[in-house]
Amino acid sequence: MLSLLARKADKTLPGALIGSERGLPAKDKVLPATAIYGANASGKTNFILGLAYMQRAVADSQAKWKSGAGTRIDKNTSSEKEYGFFEVLIYLDGVKYRYGFRASSFFFEEEWLYSYPLGREQMLFVRKSQRDDEVVETTLETGPKVSGEKRDHESSLRRTRENSLFLSSAAQDNQPECIAIQRWFSTKLITSIKLNVSSLDETFTSALAYNCPNFKDLLVPLLRAADPCIKDIVVQREGDQSGEDSDQFSRENVQKHKVKFVISGSNGDVEMPFEKQSRGIKRLYTISAGLITALKFGRIYVVDELETSMHPHVASQLLALFQNRSSNPKGAQLIFTTHETRLLNLHHLRRDQVWFCERSNSGESTLFSLLEFSPRKDENFEVGYLGGRYGAVPVAGIDPSWLRAINDDNLTITSETLDG
């Protein structure tokens, strides 16, 4: 399980640690960032998809999912397990909560919420469901410390479908602890990846730049870190040449914007469309909305392959924004996957901020910390990782049959086929 709790024994980058600004107990500190390394197809992206799935299930399962439509979770085709297990431990107003659920493709088999107000575990609720033929029977056990009356909890349970979460139903009925957990998922957690979509798009950044005039004051300097020639950006809604459309921002209309970059050059300023920008600039523009809103409001930004198409210095500057209290006064957190090994040193990441993801021959992925290898402070983590000391690197080479095939004159691909 990935943990962002700081290890007390690690004294590096002390200014990066988050404590009282997030309402944590005095003895506890959390990390502002954590990096996940691993080979391609090791399961790093699936970890982020898992968080995105939890977010959607908590937000939408009761309000939007239809009865009998399933839990929108796919069976793991590379594993014998036919369910997904999801759990988070979070701090809210100084109290630790543990919430999770187990989901099959058809219904939620189990769901639980515990709190630790004085360090001791106390159950708030445990919901269990069992399928008999086509009928799902659900039971609920509540603890003595959960807010509200038993009859209200039973009423929420009756409204909870087999493919919806009790937490979501109870939150709709104003149950305080459930409201708090649901609000964390909906307002504190920003996931940069869409379910069933393999890549990001720039629409969230464009919508904020269009509807929030001051947002560009934060966006443009961030872009200039990658390209100092960027002077400004112009965002227009398609069909609106005046740029004065004042319609309220909504996620339904965020794809109706055109973006132009104002570039300063020797012959004056020129406007270049978003499509003509480099991949690195497009990538930075795309993730900027998540980065800025997380830092501005103390949220948690989860991003897949932070450094994609960007120079390592730019990636390190983005990471540094979260590691510095002057740029991160609200205690925002960054969780990111990466292949950028040049971040693997104590100038950028503490030892307890580095995690690895590795997939076994059975198809299951495991997360484990760099601390499991008891690395020394003076150890070169980048060399150790690339040398295979910590695992989580590709082990298979090019099959010898490929070398034979590339030199085979009878290969069906011929120069005549390529030329015409």
Protein backbone atom coordinates (compact mmCIF):
# COMPACT_ATOMS: atom_id res chain seq x y z
CA MET A 1 0.00 0.00 0.00
CA LEU A 2 1.35 3.42 -0.98
CA SER A 3 1.95 5.65 2.05
CA LEU A 4 2.60 9.37 2.17
CA LEU A 5 3.39 9.37 5.88
CA ALA A 6 6.90 10.69 6.49
CA ARG A 7 9.42 8.45 8.19
CA LYS A 8 10.80 10.22 11.24
CA ALA A 9 14.26 8.74 10.70
CA ASP A 10 14.66 10.56 7.37
CA LYS A 11 15.86 14.11 8.07
CA THR A 12 16.39 15.20 4.45
CA LEU A 13 14.36 18.06 2.95
CA PRO A 14 12.78 18.95 6.32
CA GLY A 15 11.09 22.03 4.87
CA ALA A 16 9.00 19.85 2.57
CA LEU A 17 7.01 18.07 5.26
CA ILE A 18 3.33 18.87 5.82
CA GLY A 19 1.79 18.98 9.27
CA SER A 20 -0.38 21.51 11.04
CA GLU A 21 -1.51 23.21 7.81
CA ARG A 22 -3.47 20.04 7.04
CA GLY A 23 -4.79 19.58 10.59
CA LEU A 24 -2.56 16.60 11.38
CA PRO A 25 -1.65 15.53 14.90
CA ALA A 26 1.59 17.11 16.12
CA LYS A 27 3.45 13.79 16.01
CA ASP A 28 2.56 13.06 12.39
CA LYS A 29 3.95 14.56 9.20
CA VAL A 30 3.03 13.70 5.62
CA LEU A 31 4.96 13.99 2.39
CA PRO A 32 4.11 16.62 -0.21
CA ALA A 33 5.06 14.33 -3.09
CA THR A 34 5.76 10.72 -3.92
CA ALA A 35 7.15 9.16 -7.09
CA ILE A 36 6.33 5.71 -8.45
CA TYR A 37 8.88 4.05 -10.74
CA GLY A 38 8.55 0.84 -12.69
CA ALA A 39 8.90 -0.85 -16.04
CA ASN A 40 6.36 -0.41 -18.80
CA ALA A 41 3.21 -2.47 -18.12
CA SER A 42 4.21 -2.92 -14.48
CA GLY A 43 0.89 -1.53 -13.22
CA LYS A 44 1.76 2.11 -12.45
CA THR A 45 -1.08 3.50 -14.53
CA ASN A 46 -3.49 0.95 -13.07
CA PHE A 47 -2.75 2.36 -9.62
CA ILE A 48 -3.87 5.80 -10.79
CA LEU A 49 -6.86 4.30 -12.58
CA GLY A 50 -7.79 2.65 -9.29
CA LEU A 51 -7.88 6.01 -7.51
CA ALA A 52 -9.89 7.50 -10.38
CA TYR A 53 -12.31 4.58 -10.16
CA MET A 54 -12.77 5.05 -6.40
CA GLN A 55 -13.45 8.73 -7.00
CA ARG A 56 -16.11 8.01 -9.63
CA ALA A 57 -17.73 5.23 -7.61
CA VAL A 58 -18.06 7.44 -4.53
CA ALA A 59 -19.36 10.38 -6.57
CA ASP A 60 -21.65 8.62 -9.06
CA SER A 61 -22.62 5.09 -7.98
CA GLN A 62 -25.71 6.15 -6.05
CA ALA A 63 -26.56 9.28 -8.04
CA LYS A 64 -25.97 8.18 -11.63
CA TRP A 65 -25.36 4.45 -12.06
CA LYS A 66 -28.42 2.42 -13.03
CA SER A 67 -29.56 -0.67 -11.20
CA GLY A 68 -28.34 -3.85 -12.83
CA ALA A 69 -25.66 -2.03 -14.84
CA GLY A 70 -22.81 -3.41 -12.74
CA THR A 71 -20.01 -1.64 -10.91
CA ARG A 72 -18.10 -0.64 -14.05
CA ILE A 73 -15.09 -2.66 -13.00
CA ASP A 74 -13.50 -5.09 -15.44
CA LYS A 75 -12.37 -8.52 -14.43
CA ASN A 76 -8.59 -8.79 -14.33
CA THR A 77 -7.91 -11.03 -17.30
CA SER A 78 -4.34 -11.73 -16.14
CA SER A 79 -5.34 -12.80 -12.63
CA GLU A 80 -7.69 -15.35 -11.11
CA LYS A 81 -9.19 -12.71 -8.82
CA GLU A 82 -12.68 -11.64 -9.88
CA TYR A 83 -12.96 -8.56 -7.72
CA GLY A 84 -11.21 -5.30 -7.04
CA PHE A 85 -10.05 -4.21 -3.59
CA PHE A 86 -9.85 -0.46 -2.93
CA GLU A 87 -8.91 1.31 0.30
CA VAL A 88 -7.61 4.71 1.43
CA LEU A 89 -6.40 6.01 4.78
CA ILE A 90 -6.84 9.76 5.05
CA TYR A 91 -6.66 12.52 7.65
CA LEU A 92 -9.63 14.87 8.01
CA ASP A 93 -9.49 17.61 10.64
CA GLY A 94 -6.84 15.71 12.56
CA VAL A 95 -8.72 12.40 12.59
CA LYS A 96 -7.60 9.39 10.56
CA TYR A 97 -10.21 7.45 8.58
CA ARG A 98 -9.95 4.16 6.74
CA TYR A 99 -12.49 3.69 3.97
CA GLY A 100 -12.66 1.02 1.32
CA PHE A 101 -14.72 -1.49 -0.59
CA ARG A 102 -14.47 -4.70 -2.53
CA ALA A 103 -16.24 -4.81 -5.87
CA SER A 104 -17.10 -7.58 -8.27
CA SER A 105 -18.18 -6.69 -11.79
CA PHE A 106 -21.86 -6.92 -10.75
CA PHE A 107 -22.11 -5.63 -7.16
CA PHE A 108 -20.18 -4.26 -4.20
CA GLU A 109 -19.43 -7.23 -1.99
CA GLU A 110 -18.17 -5.34 1.04
CA GLU A 111 -17.70 -1.76 2.21
CA TRP A 112 -16.27 -0.34 5.42
CA LEU A 113 -15.48 2.89 7.25
CA TYR A 114 -13.35 3.15 10.39
CA SER A 115 -12.05 6.14 12.32
CA TYR A 116 -9.12 6.57 14.71
CA PRO A 117 -9.95 9.65 16.82
CA LEU A 118 -7.54 8.78 19.64
CA GLY A 119 -5.32 6.39 17.76
CA ARG A 120 -7.60 3.43 18.45
CA GLU A 121 -9.70 1.90 15.70
CA GLN A 122 -13.44 2.26 15.94
CA MET A 123 -15.90 0.92 13.40
CA LEU A 124 -18.37 3.37 11.92
CA PHE A 125 -20.00 0.93 9.51
CA VAL A 126 -19.47 -2.34 7.66
CA ARG A 127 -21.77 -3.20 4.77
CA LYS A 128 -21.74 -6.72 3.33
CA SER A 129 -23.56 -8.11 0.31
CA GLN A 130 -24.01 -11.68 -0.85
CA ARG A 131 -25.43 -12.88 -4.14
CA ASP A 132 -27.79 -15.84 -4.22
CA ASP A 133 -28.72 -16.64 -7.81
CA GLU A 134 -29.76 -13.21 -9.13
CA VAL A 135 -30.72 -11.73 -5.76
CA VAL A 136 -28.25 -9.68 -3.71
CA GLU A 137 -28.82 -9.61 0.05
CA THR A 138 -27.18 -6.73 1.92
CA THR A 139 -26.58 -6.25 5.64
CA LEU A 140 -25.24 -3.28 7.57
CA GLU A 141 -23.48 -3.16 10.92
CA THR A 142 -22.93 0.23 12.52
CA GLY A 143 -20.67 1.12 15.43
CA PRO A 144 -21.71 3.00 18.58
CA LYS A 145 -19.75 6.11 17.60
CA VAL A 146 -21.29 6.66 14.18
CA SER A 147 -23.44 9.79 13.94
CA GLY A 148 -27.19 9.52 13.38
CA GLU A 149 -29.99 7.15 14.31
CA LYS A 150 -30.12 3.48 13.39
CA ARG A 151 -33.42 3.93 11.57
CA ASP A 152 -31.81 6.59 9.36
CA HIS A 153 -28.93 4.25 8.51
CA GLU A 154 -31.39 1.49 7.65
CA SER A 155 -33.30 3.91 5.43
CA SER A 156 -30.08 4.78 3.57
CA LEU A 157 -29.32 1.08 3.21
CA ARG A 158 -32.72 0.41 1.64
CA ARG A 159 -31.95 3.01 -1.00
CA THR A 160 -28.50 1.53 -1.66
CA ARG A 161 -28.55 -0.60 -4.79
CA GLU A 162 -26.35 -3.63 -5.32
CA ASN A 163 -24.05 -1.57 -7.58
CA SER A 164 -23.92 1.58 -5.47
CA LEU A 165 -22.00 2.45 -2.32
CA PHE A 166 -23.66 2.86 1.06
CA LEU A 167 -21.32 5.79 1.75
CA SER A 168 -22.74 7.64 -1.26
CA SER A 169 -26.33 6.90 -0.23
CA ALA A 170 -25.73 7.94 3.38
CA ALA A 171 -23.99 11.13 2.26
CA GLN A 172 -27.10 12.04 0.28
CA ASP A 173 -29.01 11.58 3.54
CA ASN A 174 -26.65 13.99 5.33
CA GLN A 175 -24.77 11.46 7.44
CA PRO A 176 -21.79 13.55 8.69
CA GLU A 177 -18.91 11.06 8.44
CA CYS A 178 -20.01 9.89 4.99
CA ILE A 179 -20.36 13.48 3.79
CA ALA A 180 -16.79 14.18 4.94
CA ILE A 181 -15.35 11.18 3.08
CA GLN A 182 -17.35 11.89 -0.07
CA ARG A 183 -16.27 15.55 0.02
CA TRP A 184 -12.62 14.44 0.22
CA PHE A 185 -13.02 12.39 -2.95
CA SER A 186 -14.90 15.11 -4.81
CA THR A 187 -12.93 18.20 -3.76
CA LYS A 188 -9.51 17.16 -2.41
CA LEU A 189 -8.52 14.50 -4.95
CA ILE A 190 -7.61 15.49 -8.52
CA THR A 191 -6.91 12.59 -10.85
CA SER A 192 -5.35 13.47 -14.18
CA ILE A 193 -6.49 10.41 -16.06
CA LYS A 194 -9.95 9.64 -17.39
CA LEU A 195 -11.35 6.16 -17.05
CA ASN A 196 -11.16 4.31 -20.36
CA VAL A 197 -9.13 7.13 -21.93
CA SER A 198 -5.43 6.60 -22.50
CA SER A 199 -4.36 10.21 -22.72
CA LEU A 200 -5.09 13.58 -21.19
CA ASP A 201 -6.67 16.52 -22.96
CA GLU A 202 -6.25 20.21 -22.43
CA THR A 203 -9.90 21.09 -21.88
CA PHE A 204 -9.79 21.65 -18.11
CA THR A 205 -6.91 24.12 -18.42
CA SER A 206 -8.59 25.93 -21.32
CA ALA A 207 -11.88 26.24 -19.45
CA LEU A 208 -10.20 27.72 -16.38
CA ALA A 209 -8.16 30.14 -18.52
CA TYR A 210 -11.32 31.24 -20.32
CA ASN A 211 -13.61 31.60 -17.32
CA CYS A 212 -11.15 32.74 -14.62
CA PRO A 213 -9.16 35.81 -15.74
CA ASN A 214 -6.63 35.59 -12.89
CA PHE A 215 -5.83 31.97 -13.71
CA LYS A 216 -3.59 33.07 -16.59
CA ASP A 217 -1.41 34.96 -14.10
CA LEU A 218 -0.40 31.56 -12.73
CA LEU A 219 -0.55 29.60 -15.98
CA VAL A 220 1.68 31.73 -18.23
CA PRO A 221 4.70 31.87 -15.84
CA LEU A 222 4.45 28.10 -15.49
CA LEU A 223 4.60 27.69 -19.28
CA ARG A 224 7.51 30.11 -19.50
CA ALA A 225 9.56 27.71 -17.38
CA ALA A 226 9.60 25.48 -20.46
CA ASP A 227 9.58 28.17 -23.17
CA PRO A 228 10.65 31.72 -22.16
CA CYS A 229 9.29 33.04 -25.47
CA ILE A 230 5.70 32.44 -24.41
CA LYS A 231 4.31 35.88 -23.64
CA ASP A 232 0.62 35.17 -23.24
CA ILE A 233 -2.17 32.82 -24.24
CA VAL A 234 -5.48 33.65 -25.86
CA VAL A 235 -8.44 31.35 -25.21
CA GLN A 236 -11.64 31.72 -27.20
CA ARG A 237 -14.78 29.70 -27.27
CA GLU A 238 -15.40 28.33 -30.73
CA GLY A 239 -17.74 30.66 -32.60
CA ASP A 240 -17.08 33.50 -30.16
CA GLN A 241 -14.58 35.92 -31.71
CA SER A 242 -15.05 38.56 -28.99
CA GLY A 243 -13.89 36.37 -26.13
CA GLU A 244 -16.55 37.98 -23.93
CA ASP A 245 -18.89 35.04 -23.49
CA SER A 246 -19.67 34.97 -19.78
CA ASP A 247 -21.42 31.61 -19.57
CA GLN A 248 -20.64 29.87 -16.30
CA PHE A 249 -17.96 27.20 -16.49
CA SER A 250 -19.27 23.65 -16.75
CA ARG A 251 -17.58 20.40 -17.63
CA GLU A 252 -20.12 19.88 -20.41
CA ASN A 253 -18.78 22.77 -22.49
CA VAL A 254 -15.07 22.58 -21.78
CA GLN A 255 -14.31 21.16 -25.24
CA LYS A 256 -15.48 24.32 -27.03
CA HIS A 257 -12.31 26.37 -26.78
CA LYS A 258 -9.51 27.38 -29.13
CA VAL A 259 -6.13 28.19 -27.66
CA LYS A 260 -3.43 30.37 -29.16
CA PHE A 261 0.00 31.08 -27.74
CA VAL A 262 1.45 34.58 -28.05
CA ILE A 263 5.13 34.08 -28.85
CA SER A 264 7.65 36.93 -28.73
CA GLY A 265 10.17 36.95 -31.58
CA SER A 266 12.65 39.17 -33.35
CA ASN A 267 9.88 40.51 -35.60
CA GLY A 268 7.39 41.10 -32.81
CA ASP A 269 4.70 38.98 -31.23
CA VAL A 270 3.00 36.23 -33.22
CA GLU A 271 0.07 33.98 -32.36
CA MET A 272 0.51 30.24 -32.76
CA PRO A 273 -2.30 27.70 -32.29
CA PHE A 274 -2.11 25.06 -29.60
CA GLU A 275 -1.76 22.37 -32.26
CA LYS A 276 1.55 23.86 -33.45
CA GLN A 277 3.21 23.71 -30.04
CA SER A 278 5.77 21.08 -29.08
CA ARG A 279 4.62 17.96 -27.27
CA GLY A 280 6.32 19.15 -24.10
CA ILE A 281 4.46 22.48 -24.08
CA LYS A 282 1.17 20.71 -24.81
CA ARG A 283 1.81 18.32 -21.96
CA LEU A 284 2.70 21.10 -19.51
CA TYR A 285 -0.36 23.10 -20.55
CA THR A 286 -2.55 20.04 -20.08
CA ILE A 287 -1.46 19.25 -16.52
CA SER A 288 -1.18 22.90 -15.42
CA ALA A 289 -4.79 23.13 -14.24
CA GLY A 290 -4.28 20.23 -11.84
CA LEU A 291 -0.94 21.54 -10.61
CA ILE A 292 -2.19 25.07 -10.01
CA THR A 293 -5.51 24.18 -8.36
CA ALA A 294 -3.79 21.65 -6.10
CA LEU A 295 -1.22 24.22 -4.90
CA LYS A 296 -3.80 26.99 -4.62
CA PHE A 297 -6.33 25.03 -2.56
CA GLY A 298 -4.23 22.35 -0.85
CA ARG A 299 -5.48 19.41 -2.89
CA ILE A 300 -3.94 16.11 -3.96
CA TYR A 301 -2.92 15.85 -7.60
CA VAL A 302 -2.40 12.40 -9.06
CA VAL A 303 -0.73 12.38 -12.48
CA ASP A 304 0.53 9.61 -14.74
CA GLU A 305 4.04 10.09 -16.18
CA LEU A 306 4.62 13.63 -14.97
CA GLU A 307 7.65 14.26 -17.17
CA THR A 308 6.30 12.98 -20.51
CA SER A 309 7.85 14.97 -23.41
CA MET A 310 9.28 17.55 -20.99
CA HIS A 311 12.89 18.43 -20.22
CA PRO A 312 14.09 16.94 -16.89
CA HIS A 313 14.74 20.44 -15.51
CA VAL A 314 11.10 21.36 -16.07
CA ALA A 315 9.90 18.19 -14.34
CA SER A 316 12.19 18.89 -11.38
CA GLN A 317 10.85 22.47 -11.13
CA LEU A 318 7.26 21.18 -11.02
CA LEU A 319 8.20 18.75 -8.27
CA ALA A 320 9.99 21.53 -6.36
CA LEU A 321 6.78 23.59 -6.25
CA PHE A 322 5.26 20.95 -3.97
CA GLN A 323 8.44 20.42 -1.94
CA ASN A 324 8.75 24.08 -0.92
CA ARG A 325 6.50 25.67 1.70
CA SER A 326 6.71 29.09 0.04
CA SER A 327 5.02 27.74 -3.10
CA ASN A 328 2.95 25.14 -1.23
CA PRO A 329 1.56 26.90 1.86
CA LYS A 330 -1.73 24.93 1.84
CA GLY A 331 -0.07 21.51 2.04
CA ALA A 332 -0.88 20.22 -1.45
CA GLN A 333 0.37 16.76 -2.41
CA LEU A 334 1.62 15.31 -5.69
CA ILE A 335 1.48 11.60 -6.51
CA PHE A 336 3.06 10.80 -9.85
CA THR A 337 4.42 7.94 -11.90
CA THR A 338 7.61 8.53 -13.81
CA HIS A 339 10.52 7.08 -15.76
CA GLU A 340 12.72 10.12 -15.08
CA THR A 341 15.60 8.61 -13.09
CA ARG A 342 17.38 11.96 -12.73
CA LEU A 343 14.91 12.78 -9.97
CA LEU A 344 16.33 9.87 -7.96
CA ASN A 345 18.57 11.87 -5.67
CA LEU A 346 18.22 13.65 -2.34
CA HIS A 347 18.12 17.06 -4.00
CA HIS A 348 14.70 16.19 -5.40
CA LEU A 349 13.21 13.29 -3.40
CA ARG A 350 13.61 11.87 0.08
CA ARG A 351 14.10 8.13 0.40
CA ASP A 352 10.56 7.72 1.79
CA GLN A 353 9.17 9.50 -1.30
CA VAL A 354 10.38 6.86 -3.77
CA TRP A 355 8.25 3.83 -4.59
CA PHE A 356 8.51 1.05 -7.14
CA CYS A 357 5.88 -0.96 -8.97
CA GLU A 358 6.60 -4.45 -10.27
CA ARG A 359 4.41 -7.05 -11.93
CA SER A 360 4.83 -10.73 -11.15
CA ASN A 361 4.54 -13.62 -13.59
CA SER A 362 0.98 -14.16 -12.33
CA GLY A 363 0.01 -10.70 -13.58
CA GLU A 364 -0.36 -9.03 -10.17
CA SER A 365 1.39 -5.73 -9.45
CA THR A 366 3.08 -4.84 -6.17
CA LEU A 367 4.09 -1.46 -4.80
CA PHE A 368 7.11 -1.31 -2.51
CA SER A 369 9.21 1.46 -1.01
CA LEU A 370 12.86 2.30 -1.58
CA LEU A 371 13.19 2.11 2.22
CA GLU A 372 12.80 -1.67 2.06
CA PHE A 373 16.37 -1.77 0.72
CA SER A 374 17.78 0.34 3.59
CA PRO A 375 19.61 2.70 1.24
CA ARG A 376 22.40 4.86 2.63
CA LYS A 377 22.22 8.63 2.40
CA ASP A 378 25.24 8.72 0.11
CA GLU A 379 23.94 5.93 -2.12
CA ASN A 380 23.39 6.74 -5.79
CA PHE A 381 19.72 5.80 -6.13
CA GLU A 382 19.64 6.36 -9.89
CA VAL A 383 22.54 4.00 -10.54
CA GLY A 384 21.09 1.47 -8.11
CA TYR A 385 17.69 1.55 -9.80
CA LEU A 386 19.01 1.33 -13.36
CA GLY A 387 21.35 -1.46 -12.26
CA GLY A 388 18.43 -3.52 -10.98
CA ARG A 389 19.25 -3.27 -7.27
CA TYR A 390 15.65 -2.37 -6.38
CA GLY A 391 13.88 -4.33 -9.12
CA ALA A 392 10.99 -2.75 -11.05
CA VAL A 393 13.03 -2.51 -14.28
CA PRO A 394 12.53 -4.32 -17.59
CA VAL A 395 14.31 -7.67 -17.51
CA ALA A 396 13.51 -9.11 -20.92
CA GLY A 397 15.77 -8.31 -23.84
CA ILE A 398 15.09 -8.50 -27.55
CA ASP A 399 14.32 -12.09 -28.54
CA PRO A 400 17.12 -13.63 -30.65
CA SER A 401 14.52 -14.62 -33.23
CA TRP A 402 14.06 -10.91 -33.97
CA LEU A 403 17.70 -10.64 -34.98
CA ARG A 404 17.30 -13.59 -37.30
CA ALA A 405 14.11 -12.16 -38.80
CA ILE A 406 15.60 -8.73 -39.49
CA ASN A 407 18.34 -10.40 -41.52
CA ASP A 408 16.02 -12.79 -43.32
CA ASP A 409 15.93 -12.01 -47.05
CA ASN A 410 12.58 -13.81 -47.30
CA LEU A 411 10.86 -11.33 -44.98
CA THR A 412 7.50 -10.41 -46.50
CA ILE A 413 8.22 -6.68 -46.09
CA THR A 414 10.17 -5.64 -49.15
CA SER A 415 11.54 -2.34 -50.36
CA GLU A 416 9.08 -2.52 -53.27
CA THR A 417 6.20 -2.73 -50.79
CA LEU A 418 7.43 0.33 -48.92
CA ASP A 419 8.06 2.40 -52.05
CA GLY A 420 4.92 1.81 -53.74
